[in-house]
PDB file of N, CA and C in Angstrom:
ATOM      1  N   MET A   1       3.578  12.145 -15.078  1.00  0.00           N
ATOM      2  CA  MET A   1       4.350  11.031 -15.276  1.00  0.00           C
ATOM      3  C   MET A   1       4.538  10.434 -13.681  1.00  0.00           C
ATOM      4  N   ARG A   2       4.472  11.418 -12.696  1.00  0.00           N
ATOM      5  CA  ARG A   2       4.519  10.744 -11.500  1.00  0.00           C
ATOM      6  C   ARG A   2       3.094   9.840 -11.085  1.00  0.00           C
ATOM      7  N   LEU A   3       1.954  10.247 -11.541  1.00  0.00           N
ATOM      8  CA  LEU A   3       0.737   9.593 -11.533  1.00  0.00           C
ATOM      9  C   LEU A   3       1.245   8.136 -12.186  1.00  0.00           C
ATOM     10  N   ALA A   4       1.833   8.125 -13.454  1.00  0.00           N
ATOM     11  CA  ALA A   4       1.710   6.900 -13.955  1.00  0.00           C
ATOM     12  C   ALA A   4       2.774   6.068 -13.406  1.00  0.00           C
ATOM     13  N   LEU A   5       3.764   6.353 -12.795  1.00  0.00           N
ATOM     14  CA  LEU A   5       4.713   5.792 -12.392  1.00  0.00           C
ATOM     15  C   LEU A   5       4.091   5.195 -10.813  1.00  0.00           C
ATOM     16  N   ALA A   6       3.312   5.891 -10.282  1.00  0.00           N
ATOM     17  CA  ALA A   6       2.533   5.634  -8.895  1.00  0.00           C
ATOM     18  C   ALA A   6       1.340   4.656  -9.509  1.00  0.00           C
ATOM     19  N   LEU A   7       0.976   4.585 -10.354  1.00  0.00           N
ATOM     20  CA  LEU A   7      -0.183   3.449 -10.843  1.00  0.00           C
ATOM     21  C   LEU A   7       0.736   2.002 -11.255  1.00  0.00           C
ATOM     22  N   ALA A   8       1.861   2.415 -11.886  1.00  0.00           N
ATOM     23  CA  ALA A   8       2.391   1.043 -12.178  1.00  0.00           C
ATOM     24  C   ALA A   8       2.797   0.361 -11.276  1.00  0.00           C
ATOM     25  N   MET A   9       3.780   1.152 -10.112  1.00  0.00           N
ATOM     26  CA  MET A   9       4.025   0.618  -8.671  1.00  0.00           C
ATOM     27  C   MET A   9       2.760   0.031  -8.125  1.00  0.00           C
ATOM     28  N   GLY A  10       1.916   0.871  -7.863  1.00  0.00           N
ATOM     29  CA  GLY A  10       0.687   0.155  -6.907  1.00  0.00           C
ATOM     30  C   GLY A  10      -0.041  -0.749  -7.456  1.00  0.00           C
ATOM     31  N   SER A  11       0.201  -1.042  -9.015  1.00  0.00           N
ATOM     32  CA  SER A  11      -0.247  -2.009  -9.825  1.00  0.00           C
ATOM     33  C   SER A  11       0.240  -3.512  -9.437  1.00  0.00           C
ATOM     34  N   ILE A  12       1.515  -3.260  -9.381  1.00  0.00           N
ATOM     35  CA  ILE A  12       2.628  -4.547  -9.361  1.00  0.00           C
ATOM     36  C   ILE A  12       2.425  -4.650  -8.057  1.00  0.00           C
ATOM     37  N   GLY A  13       2.491  -3.561  -6.781  1.00  0.00           N
ATOM     38  CA  GLY A  13       2.629  -4.200  -5.223  1.00  0.00           C
ATOM     39  C   GLY A  13       1.785  -4.471  -4.991  1.00  0.00           C
ATOM     40  N   ALA A  14       0.188  -4.379  -5.334  1.00  0.00           N
ATOM     41  CA  ALA A  14      -0.857  -4.871  -5.021  1.00  0.00           C
ATOM     42  C   ALA A  14      -1.345  -6.449  -5.179  1.00  0.00           C
ATOM     43  N   ILE A  15      -0.514  -6.726  -6.328  1.00  0.00           N
ATOM     44  CA  ILE A  15      -0.379  -8.252  -6.367  1.00  0.00           C
ATOM     45  C   ILE A  15      -0.428  -9.142  -5.509  1.00  0.00           C
ATOM     46  N   GLY A  16       0.534  -8.619  -4.311  1.00  0.00           N
ATOM     47  CA  GLY A  16       0.484  -9.232  -3.224  1.00  0.00           C
ATOM     48  C   GLY A  16      -0.567  -9.790  -2.214  1.00  0.00           C
ATOM     49  N   MET A  17      -1.485  -8.708  -2.603  1.00  0.00           N
ATOM     50  CA  MET A  17      -2.700  -8.847  -1.595  1.00  0.00           C
ATOM     51  C   MET A  17      -3.604 -10.000  -2.029  1.00  0.00           C
ATOM     52  N   TRP A  18      -3.543 -10.055  -3.574  1.00  0.00           N
ATOM     53  CA  TRP A  18      -4.381 -11.132  -4.120  1.00  0.00           C
ATOM     54  C   TRP A  18      -3.702 -12.108  -4.748  1.00  0.00           C
ATOM     55  N   SER A  19      -2.701 -12.274  -4.528  1.00  0.00           N
ATOM     56  CA  SER A  19      -1.797 -13.450  -4.914  1.00  0.00           C
ATOM     57  C   SER A  19      -2.430 -14.829  -4.592  1.00  0.00           C
ATOM     58  N   VAL A  20      -2.676 -14.975  -3.539  1.00  0.00           N
ATOM     59  CA  VAL A  20      -2.903 -16.282  -2.584  1.00  0.00           C
ATOM     60  C   VAL A  20      -4.354 -16.816  -3.273  1.00  0.00           C
ATOM     61  N   VAL A  21      -4.896 -15.826  -3.812  1.00  0.00           N
ATOM     62  CA  VAL A  21      -6.612 -16.396  -4.265  1.00  0.00           C
ATOM     63  C   VAL A  21      -6.063 -17.308  -5.746  1.00  0.00           C
ATOM     64  N   VAL A  22      -4.958 -16.724  -6.345  1.00  0.00           N
ATOM     65  CA  VAL A  22      -4.828 -17.561  -7.580  1.00  0.00           C
ATOM     66  C   VAL A  22      -3.978 -19.242  -7.079  1.00  0.00           C
ATOM     67  N   VAL A  23      -3.498 -18.869  -6.546  1.00  0.00           N
ATOM     68  CA  VAL A  23      -2.651 -20.128  -6.210  1.00  0.00           C
ATOM     69  C   VAL A  23      -3.217 -21.081  -5.168  1.00  0.00           C
ATOM     70  N   LEU A  24      -4.602 -20.403  -4.481  1.00  0.00           N
ATOM     71  CA  LEU A  24      -5.216 -21.486  -3.263  1.00  0.00           C
ATOM     72  C   LEU A  24      -5.583 -22.897  -3.965  1.00  0.00           C
ATOM     73  N   PRO A  25      -6.162 -23.175  -5.102  1.00  0.00           N
ATOM     74  CA  PRO A  25      -6.228 -24.564  -5.345  1.00  0.00           C
ATOM     75  C   PRO A  25      -4.924 -25.571  -5.370  1.00  0.00           C
ATOM     76  N   THR A  26      -3.622 -24.998  -6.104  1.00  0.00           N
ATOM     77  CA  THR A  26      -2.593 -25.690  -6.265  1.00  0.00           C
ATOM     78  C   THR A  26      -2.141 -25.813  -4.632  1.00  0.00           C
ATOM     79  N   VAL A  27      -2.331 -24.970  -3.882  1.00  0.00           N
ATOM     80  CA  VAL A  27      -1.545 -25.041  -2.566  1.00  0.00           C
ATOM     81  C   VAL A  27      -2.354 -26.212  -1.828  1.00  0.00           C
ATOM     82  N   GLN A  28      -3.554 -26.132  -2.018  1.00  0.00           N
ATOM     83  CA  GLN A  28      -4.607 -26.970  -1.280  1.00  0.00           C
ATOM     84  C   GLN A  28      -3.813 -28.315  -1.716  1.00  0.00           C
ATOM     85  N   ALA A  29      -4.059 -28.477  -2.844  1.00  0.00           N
ATOM     86  CA  ALA A  29      -3.577 -29.935  -3.406  1.00  0.00           C
ATOM     87  C   ALA A  29      -2.121 -30.291  -3.067  1.00  0.00           C
ATOM     88  N   GLU A  30      -1.506 -29.557  -2.836  1.00  0.00           N
ATOM     89  CA  GLU A  30       0.179 -29.612  -2.661  1.00  0.00           C
ATOM     90  C   GLU A  30       0.598 -30.033  -0.788  1.00  0.00           C
ATOM     91  N   PHE A  31      -0.215 -29.329  -0.357  1.00  0.00           N
ATOM     92  CA  PHE A  31      -0.156 -29.540   1.117  1.00  0.00           C
ATOM     93  C   PHE A  31      -1.037 -30.588   1.503  1.00  0.00           C
ATOM     94  N   SER A  32      -2.102 -31.073   0.793  1.00  0.00           N
ATOM     95  CA  SER A  32      -3.111 -32.039   1.100  1.00  0.00           C
ATOM     96  C   SER A  32      -4.061 -31.281   2.336  1.00  0.00           C
ATOM     97  N   ALA A  33      -4.179 -30.015   2.367  1.00  0.00           N
ATOM     98  CA  ALA A  33      -4.805 -29.035   3.533  1.00  0.00           C
ATOM     99  C   ALA A  33      -6.627 -28.892   2.776  1.00  0.00           C
ATOM    100  N   THR A  34      -7.142 -28.313   3.803  1.00  0.00           N
ATOM    101  CA  THR A  34      -8.285 -27.911   3.542  1.00  0.00           C
ATOM    102  C   THR A  34      -8.240 -26.497   3.102  1.00  0.00           C
ATOM    103  N   ARG A  35      -9.549 -26.117   2.384  1.00  0.00           N
ATOM    104  CA  ARG A  35      -9.617 -24.841   1.765  1.00  0.00           C
ATOM    105  C   ARG A  35      -9.235 -23.823   2.933  1.00  0.00           C
ATOM    106  N   GLY A  36      -9.901 -24.110   4.145  1.00  0.00           N
ATOM    107  CA  GLY A  36      -9.932 -22.755   5.091  1.00  0.00           C
ATOM    108  C   GLY A  36      -8.290 -22.905   5.555  1.00  0.00           C
ATOM    109  N   ALA A  37      -7.845 -23.892   5.764  1.00  0.00           N
ATOM    110  CA  ALA A  37      -6.221 -23.919   6.158  1.00  0.00           C
ATOM    111  C   ALA A  37      -5.558 -23.021   5.524  1.00  0.00           C
ATOM    112  N   VAL A  38      -5.514 -23.453   4.019  1.00  0.00           N
ATOM    113  CA  VAL A  38      -4.874 -22.537   3.022  1.00  0.00           C
ATOM    114  C   VAL A  38      -5.614 -21.055   3.101  1.00  0.00           C
ATOM    115  N   SER A  39      -6.937 -20.785   3.460  1.00  0.00           N
ATOM    116  CA  SER A  39      -7.020 -19.226   3.348  1.00  0.00           C
ATOM    117  C   SER A  39      -6.337 -18.579   4.377  1.00  0.00           C
ATOM    118  N   LEU A  40      -5.953 -19.410   5.245  1.00  0.00           N
ATOM    119  CA  LEU A  40      -5.222 -18.413   6.344  1.00  0.00           C
ATOM    120  C   LEU A  40      -4.238 -17.716   5.937  1.00  0.00           C
ATOM    121  N   ALA A  41      -3.661 -17.981   4.832  1.00  0.00           N
ATOM    122  CA  ALA A  41      -2.769 -17.201   4.058  1.00  0.00           C
ATOM    123  C   ALA A  41      -3.034 -15.862   3.657  1.00  0.00           C
ATOM    124  N   SER A  42      -4.339 -15.571   3.494  1.00  0.00           N
ATOM    125  CA  SER A  42      -5.261 -14.664   3.218  1.00  0.00           C
ATOM    126  C   SER A  42      -5.197 -13.601   4.425  1.00  0.00           C
ATOM    127  N   THR A  43      -5.410 -14.234   5.686  1.00  0.00           N
ATOM    128  CA  THR A  43      -5.524 -13.402   6.773  1.00  0.00           C
ATOM    129  C   THR A  43      -4.460 -12.844   7.220  1.00  0.00           C
ATOM    130  N   ALA A  44      -3.327 -14.063   7.042  1.00  0.00           N
ATOM    131  CA  ALA A  44      -1.720 -13.539   7.377  1.00  0.00           C
ATOM    132  C   ALA A  44      -1.405 -12.295   6.409  1.00  0.00           C
ATOM    133  N   ILE A  45      -1.819 -12.227   5.096  1.00  0.00           N
ATOM    134  CA  ILE A  45      -1.358 -10.798   4.157  1.00  0.00           C
ATOM    135  C   ILE A  45      -2.080  -9.966   4.801  1.00  0.00           C
ATOM    136  N   PHE A  46      -3.354  -9.832   5.290  1.00  0.00           N
ATOM    137  CA  PHE A  46      -3.803  -8.640   5.789  1.00  0.00           C
ATOM    138  C   PHE A  46      -3.248  -8.057   7.087  1.00  0.00           C
ATOM    139  N   MET A  47      -2.849  -9.401   7.986  1.00  0.00           N
ATOM    140  CA  MET A  47      -2.141  -9.211   9.515  1.00  0.00           C
ATOM    141  C   MET A  47      -0.915  -8.275   8.835  1.00  0.00           C
ATOM    142  N   GLY A  48      -0.310  -8.533   8.132  1.00  0.00           N
ATOM    143  CA  GLY A  48       1.282  -8.148   7.861  1.00  0.00           C
ATOM    144  C   GLY A  48       0.903  -6.915   6.887  1.00  0.00           C
ATOM    145  N   PHE A  49      -0.214  -6.656   6.455  1.00  0.00           N
ATOM    146  CA  PHE A  49      -0.507  -5.183   5.835  1.00  0.00           C
ATOM    147  C   PHE A  49      -0.801  -4.314   6.637  1.00  0.00           C
ATOM    148  N   GLY A  50      -1.565  -4.508   7.551  1.00  0.00           N
ATOM    149  CA  GLY A  50      -1.664  -3.583   8.764  1.00  0.00           C
ATOM    150  C   GLY A  50      -0.395  -3.365   9.278  1.00  0.00           C
ATOM    151  N   SER A  51      -0.015  -4.219   9.882  1.00  0.00           N
ATOM    152  CA  SER A  51       1.376  -4.200  10.697  1.00  0.00           C
ATOM    153  C   SER A  51       2.234  -3.330   9.566  1.00  0.00           C
ATOM    154  N   GLY A  52       2.797  -3.662   8.657  1.00  0.00           N
ATOM    155  CA  GLY A  52       3.482  -2.880   7.525  1.00  0.00           C
ATOM    156  C   GLY A  52       2.978  -1.554   7.105  1.00  0.00           C
ATOM    157  N   GLY A  53       1.726  -1.317   7.055  1.00  0.00           N
ATOM    158  CA  GLY A  53       1.552   0.019   6.890  1.00  0.00           C
ATOM    159  C   GLY A  53       1.772   1.224   8.103  1.00  0.00           C
ATOM    160  N   VAL A  54       1.894   0.501   9.303  1.00  0.00           N
ATOM    161  CA  VAL A  54       2.430   1.460  10.463  1.00  0.00           C
ATOM    162  C   VAL A  54       3.953   1.644  10.223  1.00  0.00           C
ATOM    163  N   ALA A  55       4.662   0.623  10.045  1.00  0.00           N
ATOM    164  CA  ALA A  55       6.108   0.601   9.829  1.00  0.00           C
ATOM    165  C   ALA A  55       6.228   1.662   8.498  1.00  0.00           C
ATOM    166  N   THR A  56       5.916   1.458   7.620  1.00  0.00           N
ATOM    167  CA  THR A  56       6.183   2.108   6.322  1.00  0.00           C
ATOM    168  C   THR A  56       5.601   3.401   6.217  1.00  0.00           C
ATOM    169  N   GLY A  57       4.669   3.739   7.170  1.00  0.00           N
ATOM    170  CA  GLY A  57       4.047   5.268   7.099  1.00  0.00           C
ATOM    171  C   GLY A  57       5.485   6.003   7.905  1.00  0.00           C
ATOM    172  N   ARG A  58       5.785   5.382   9.012  1.00  0.00           N
ATOM    173  CA  ARG A  58       7.103   5.829   9.572  1.00  0.00           C
ATOM    174  C   ARG A  58       8.267   6.092   8.661  1.00  0.00           C
ATOM    175  N   ILE A  59       8.660   5.067   8.008  1.00  0.00           N
ATOM    176  CA  ILE A  59       9.580   5.449   6.896  1.00  0.00           C
ATOM    177  C   ILE A  59       9.491   6.078   6.373  1.00  0.00           C
ATOM    178  N   THR A  60       8.091   6.328   5.603  1.00  0.00           N
ATOM    179  CA  THR A  60       7.723   7.372   4.652  1.00  0.00           C
ATOM    180  C   THR A  60       8.045   8.874   5.101  1.00  0.00           C
ATOM    181  N   ASP A  61       7.704   8.919   6.310  1.00  0.00           N
ATOM    182  CA  ASP A  61       7.841  10.365   7.105  1.00  0.00           C
ATOM    183  C   ASP A  61       9.398  10.773   7.308  1.00  0.00           C
ATOM    184  N   ARG A  62      10.098   9.694   7.493  1.00  0.00           N
ATOM    185  CA  ARG A  62      11.361   9.861   7.857  1.00  0.00           C
ATOM    186  C   ARG A  62      12.406  10.171   6.695  1.00  0.00           C
ATOM    187  N   TYR A  63      12.029   9.177   5.875  1.00  0.00           N
ATOM    188  CA  TYR A  63      13.013   9.320   4.785  1.00  0.00           C
ATOM    189  C   TYR A  63      12.430   9.325   3.291  1.00  0.00           C
ATOM    190  N   GLY A  64      11.003   9.518   3.046  1.00  0.00           N
ATOM    191  CA  GLY A  64      10.540   9.755   1.725  1.00  0.00           C
ATOM    192  C   GLY A  64       9.717   8.327   1.310  1.00  0.00           C
ATOM    193  N   ILE A  65       9.106   8.564   0.372  1.00  0.00           N
ATOM    194  CA  ILE A  65       8.771   7.628  -0.027  1.00  0.00           C
ATOM    195  C   ILE A  65       9.196   6.364  -0.856  1.00  0.00           C
ATOM    196  N   VAL A  66      10.509   7.018  -1.687  1.00  0.00           N
ATOM    197  CA  VAL A  66      11.533   6.602  -2.552  1.00  0.00           C
ATOM    198  C   VAL A  66      12.065   4.964  -1.794  1.00  0.00           C
ATOM    199  N   PRO A  67      12.498   5.221  -0.505  1.00  0.00           N
ATOM    200  CA  PRO A  67      13.001   4.314   0.392  1.00  0.00           C
ATOM    201  C   PRO A  67      11.971   3.104   0.477  1.00  0.00           C
ATOM    202  N   ALA A  68      10.883   3.443   1.345  1.00  0.00           N
ATOM    203  CA  ALA A  68       9.747   2.675   1.643  1.00  0.00           C
ATOM    204  C   ALA A  68       9.445   1.838   0.414  1.00  0.00           C
ATOM    205  N   VAL A  69       9.316   2.446  -0.701  1.00  0.00           N
ATOM    206  CA  VAL A  69       8.785   1.314  -2.040  1.00  0.00           C
ATOM    207  C   VAL A  69       9.917   0.506  -2.131  1.00  0.00           C
ATOM    208  N   ALA A  70      11.306   1.226  -2.202  1.00  0.00           N
ATOM    209  CA  ALA A  70      12.355   0.198  -2.347  1.00  0.00           C
ATOM    210  C   ALA A  70      12.415  -0.920  -1.629  1.00  0.00           C
ATOM    211  N   LEU A  71      12.223  -0.664  -0.398  1.00  0.00           N
ATOM    212  CA  LEU A  71      12.241  -2.023   0.456  1.00  0.00           C
ATOM    213  C   LEU A  71      11.112  -2.481   0.415  1.00  0.00           C
ATOM    214  N   SER A  72       9.795  -2.290  -0.132  1.00  0.00           N
ATOM    215  CA  SER A  72       8.567  -3.197  -0.034  1.00  0.00           C
ATOM    216  C   SER A  72       8.990  -3.980  -1.441  1.00  0.00           C
ATOM    217  N   ILE A  73       9.438  -3.567  -2.437  1.00  0.00           N
ATOM    218  CA  ILE A  73       9.663  -3.954  -3.715  1.00  0.00           C
ATOM    219  C   ILE A  73      10.857  -5.191  -3.394  1.00  0.00           C
ATOM    220  N   THR A  74      11.694  -4.989  -2.680  1.00  0.00           N
ATOM    221  CA  THR A  74      12.603  -6.179  -2.109  1.00  0.00           C
ATOM    222  C   THR A  74      11.995  -7.131  -1.170  1.00  0.00           C
ATOM    223  N   PHE A  75      11.234  -6.809  -0.550  1.00  0.00           N
ATOM    224  CA  PHE A  75      10.561  -7.413   0.552  1.00  0.00           C
ATOM    225  C   PHE A  75       9.856  -8.628  -0.299  1.00  0.00           C
ATOM    226  N   LEU A  76       8.979  -8.049  -0.951  1.00  0.00           N
ATOM    227  CA  LEU A  76       7.878  -8.742  -1.986  1.00  0.00           C
ATOM    228  C   LEU A  76       8.722  -9.681  -2.640  1.00  0.00           C
ATOM    229  N   ALA A  77       9.755  -9.347  -3.685  1.00  0.00           N
ATOM    230  CA  ALA A  77      10.388 -10.009  -4.304  1.00  0.00           C
ATOM    231  C   ALA A  77      11.234 -11.500  -3.648  1.00  0.00           C
ATOM    232  N   ILE A  78      11.421 -11.154  -2.379  1.00  0.00           N
ATOM    233  CA  ILE A  78      12.289 -12.169  -1.587  1.00  0.00           C
ATOM    234  C   ILE A  78      11.073 -13.243  -1.006  1.00  0.00           C
ATOM    235  N   SER A  79      10.146 -12.412  -0.629  1.00  0.00           N
ATOM    236  CA  SER A  79       8.937 -13.371   0.028  1.00  0.00           C
ATOM    237  C   SER A  79       8.132 -14.092  -1.097  1.00  0.00           C
ATOM    238  N   PHE A  80       8.319 -13.948  -2.354  1.00  0.00           N
ATOM    239  CA  PHE A  80       7.290 -14.344  -3.642  1.00  0.00           C
ATOM    240  C   PHE A  80       8.439 -15.516  -3.420  1.00  0.00           C
ATOM    241  N   VAL A  81       9.665 -15.769  -3.594  1.00  0.00           N
ATOM    242  CA  VAL A  81      10.498 -16.502  -4.000  1.00  0.00           C
ATOM    243  C   VAL A  81      10.279 -17.746  -2.664  1.00  0.00           C
ATOM    244  N   LEU A  82      10.513 -17.190  -1.616  1.00  0.00           N
ATOM    245  CA  LEU A  82      10.461 -17.883  -0.371  1.00  0.00           C
ATOM    246  C   LEU A  82       9.142 -18.822  -0.400  1.00  0.00           C
ATOM    247  N   ALA A  83       7.925 -18.055  -0.789  1.00  0.00           N
ATOM    248  CA  ALA A  83       6.457 -18.891  -0.792  1.00  0.00           C
ATOM    249  C   ALA A  83       6.824 -20.063  -2.007  1.00  0.00           C
ATOM    250  N   GLY A  84       7.315 -19.812  -3.117  1.00  0.00           N
ATOM    251  CA  GLY A  84       7.476 -21.060  -4.005  1.00  0.00           C
ATOM    252  C   GLY A  84       8.323 -22.276  -3.465  1.00  0.00           C
ATOM    253  N   LEU A  85       9.243 -22.011  -2.524  1.00  0.00           N
ATOM    254  CA  LEU A  85      10.334 -22.698  -1.712  1.00  0.00           C
ATOM    255  C   LEU A  85       9.548 -23.593  -0.816  1.00  0.00           C
ATOM    256  N   ALA A  86       8.443 -23.187   0.214  1.00  0.00           N
ATOM    257  CA  ALA A  86       7.835 -23.672   1.180  1.00  0.00           C
ATOM    258  C   ALA A  86       7.763 -24.819   1.085  1.00  0.00           C
ATOM    259  N   ALA A  87       8.023 -25.570   2.338  1.00  0.00           N
ATOM    260  CA  ALA A  87       8.046 -26.974   2.250  1.00  0.00           C
ATOM    261  C   ALA A  87       6.709 -27.719   3.192  1.00  0.00           C
ATOM    262  N   SER A  88       5.983 -26.536   3.887  1.00  0.00           N
ATOM    263  CA  SER A  88       4.932 -27.057   4.519  1.00  0.00           C
ATOM    264  C   SER A  88       4.021 -25.641   4.696  1.00  0.00           C
ATOM    265  N   LEU A  89       2.611 -26.045   4.972  1.00  0.00           N
ATOM    266  CA  LEU A  89       1.709 -24.842   5.144  1.00  0.00           C
ATOM    267  C   LEU A  89       2.130 -23.628   6.075  1.00  0.00           C
ATOM    268  N   TRP A  90       2.386 -24.153   6.964  1.00  0.00           N
ATOM    269  CA  TRP A  90       2.849 -23.349   8.001  1.00  0.00           C
ATOM    270  C   TRP A  90       3.575 -22.014   7.483  1.00  0.00           C
ATOM    271  N   GLN A  91       4.817 -22.827   6.907  1.00  0.00           N
ATOM    272  CA  GLN A  91       5.898 -21.858   6.368  1.00  0.00           C
ATOM    273  C   GLN A  91       5.170 -20.889   5.197  1.00  0.00           C
ATOM    274  N   PHE A  92       4.345 -21.361   4.421  1.00  0.00           N
ATOM    275  CA  PHE A  92       3.636 -20.828   3.213  1.00  0.00           C
ATOM    276  C   PHE A  92       2.847 -19.580   3.847  1.00  0.00           C
ATOM    277  N   ILE A  93       2.159 -19.925   5.062  1.00  0.00           N
ATOM    278  CA  ILE A  93       1.398 -18.991   5.511  1.00  0.00           C
ATOM    279  C   ILE A  93       2.127 -17.834   6.301  1.00  0.00           C
ATOM    280  N   ALA A  94       3.375 -18.149   7.117  1.00  0.00           N
ATOM    281  CA  ALA A  94       4.075 -17.282   7.684  1.00  0.00           C
ATOM    282  C   ALA A  94       4.881 -16.242   6.463  1.00  0.00           C
ATOM    283  N   ILE A  95       4.993 -16.856   5.384  1.00  0.00           N
ATOM    284  CA  ILE A  95       5.736 -15.870   4.338  1.00  0.00           C
ATOM    285  C   ILE A  95       4.461 -15.310   3.780  1.00  0.00           C
ATOM    286  N   TYR A  96       3.351 -15.423   3.611  1.00  0.00           N
ATOM    287  CA  TYR A  96       2.441 -14.472   3.263  1.00  0.00           C
ATOM    288  C   TYR A  96       2.324 -13.222   4.244  1.00  0.00           C
ATOM    289  N   PHE A  97       2.362 -13.669   5.423  1.00  0.00           N
ATOM    290  CA  PHE A  97       2.527 -12.349   6.626  1.00  0.00           C
ATOM    291  C   PHE A  97       3.662 -11.325   5.701  1.00  0.00           C
ATOM    292  N   LEU A  98       4.679 -12.052   5.402  1.00  0.00           N
ATOM    293  CA  LEU A  98       5.800 -11.257   4.970  1.00  0.00           C
ATOM    294  C   LEU A  98       5.292 -10.441   3.794  1.00  0.00           C
ATOM    295  N   ILE A  99       4.702 -11.220   2.738  1.00  0.00           N
ATOM    296  CA  ILE A  99       4.093 -10.587   1.643  1.00  0.00           C
ATOM    297  C   ILE A  99       3.262  -9.338   1.597  1.00  0.00           C
ATOM    298  N   GLY A 100       2.481  -9.569   2.688  1.00  0.00           N
ATOM    299  CA  GLY A 100       1.793  -8.587   3.284  1.00  0.00           C
ATOM    300  C   GLY A 100       2.323  -7.253   3.783  1.00  0.00           C
ATOM    301  N   LEU A 101       3.748  -7.644   4.469  1.00  0.00           N
ATOM    302  CA  LEU A 101       4.482  -6.363   4.915  1.00  0.00           C
ATOM    303  C   LEU A 101       4.964  -5.649   3.799  1.00  0.00           C
ATOM    304  N   GLY A 102       5.256  -6.531   2.961  1.00  0.00           N
ATOM    305  CA  GLY A 102       5.653  -5.821   1.610  1.00  0.00           C
ATOM    306  C   GLY A 102       4.773  -4.941   0.659  1.00  0.00           C
ATOM    307  N   THR A 103       3.640  -5.538   0.760  1.00  0.00           N
ATOM    308  CA  THR A 103       2.560  -4.904  -0.050  1.00  0.00           C
ATOM    309  C   THR A 103       2.333  -3.380   0.403  1.00  0.00           C
ATOM    310  N   SER A 104       2.490  -3.410   1.565  1.00  0.00           N
ATOM    311  CA  SER A 104       1.775  -2.235   2.567  1.00  0.00           C
ATOM    312  C   SER A 104       2.439  -0.884   2.150  1.00  0.00           C
ATOM    313  N   ALA A 105       3.552  -0.768   1.686  1.00  0.00           N
ATOM    314  CA  ALA A 105       4.121   0.243   0.956  1.00  0.00           C
ATOM    315  C   ALA A 105       3.585   0.547  -0.555  1.00  0.00           C
ATOM    316  N   THR A 106       3.168  -0.075  -0.973  1.00  0.00           N
ATOM    317  CA  THR A 106       2.557   0.406  -2.180  1.00  0.00           C
ATOM    318  C   THR A 106       1.009   0.391  -2.275  1.00  0.00           C
ATOM    319  N   PHE A 107       0.516   1.095  -1.175  1.00  0.00           N
ATOM    320  CA  PHE A 107      -0.786   1.099  -1.205  1.00  0.00           C
ATOM    321  C   PHE A 107      -0.976   2.597  -0.501  1.00  0.00           C
ATOM    322  N   ALA A 108      -1.444   2.746   0.702  1.00  0.00           N
ATOM    323  CA  ALA A 108      -1.389   3.669   1.348  1.00  0.00           C
ATOM    324  C   ALA A 108      -0.329   4.890   1.059  1.00  0.00           C
ATOM    325  N   PRO A 109       0.542   4.764   1.821  1.00  0.00           N
ATOM    326  CA  PRO A 109       1.779   5.768   1.621  1.00  0.00           C
ATOM    327  C   PRO A 109       2.068   6.132  -0.074  1.00  0.00           C
ATOM    328  N   LEU A 110       2.193   5.325  -0.759  1.00  0.00           N
ATOM    329  CA  LEU A 110       2.316   5.722  -2.245  1.00  0.00           C
ATOM    330  C   LEU A 110       0.954   6.903  -2.663  1.00  0.00           C
ATOM    331  N   ILE A 111      -0.320   6.131  -2.317  1.00  0.00           N
ATOM    332  CA  ILE A 111      -1.429   7.093  -2.832  1.00  0.00           C
ATOM    333  C   ILE A 111      -1.316   8.506  -2.171  1.00  0.00           C
ATOM    334  N   ALA A 112      -1.153   8.379  -0.897  1.00  0.00           N
ATOM    335  CA  ALA A 112      -0.891   9.754  -0.115  1.00  0.00           C
ATOM    336  C   ALA A 112       0.568  10.444  -0.821  1.00  0.00           C
ATOM    337  N   GLU A 113       1.195  10.131  -1.199  1.00  0.00           N
ATOM    338  CA  GLU A 113       2.402  10.657  -1.986  1.00  0.00           C
ATOM    339  C   GLU A 113       2.111  11.291  -3.072  1.00  0.00           C
ATOM    340  N   CYS A 114       0.711  10.735  -3.932  1.00  0.00           N
ATOM    341  CA  CYS A 114       0.438  11.280  -5.196  1.00  0.00           C
ATOM    342  C   CYS A 114      -0.534  12.366  -5.160  1.00  0.00           C
ATOM    343  N   ARG A 115      -0.969  12.680  -3.842  1.00  0.00           N
ATOM    344  CA  ARG A 115      -1.743  13.969  -4.020  1.00  0.00           C
ATOM    345  C   ARG A 115      -1.172  15.225  -3.894  1.00  0.00           C
TER     346      ARG A 115
END
């Protein structure tokens, strides 16, 4: 049961890492930007993912995995709504940094908790 729940949470949480690839052409057209400029959002995700991994590890060590994942889910939900409301490309890229922060709890700490 625990493994199935972790798999579901990991699958849903990992969407943050790859969601920019799906919306890349739409965002490129929306902001009249080059593919390279829009791809900076992908870089921002992994910068947030790395930063969030450190913070999430500390939260997990101190309070356990449940608060870390709950914070992650809240962060992801708010960030995806904000990404849809972004008025400029720089806002979109900054919000994807936040998505990376949220995604970080649903990867390494969750996998470590399952063993």
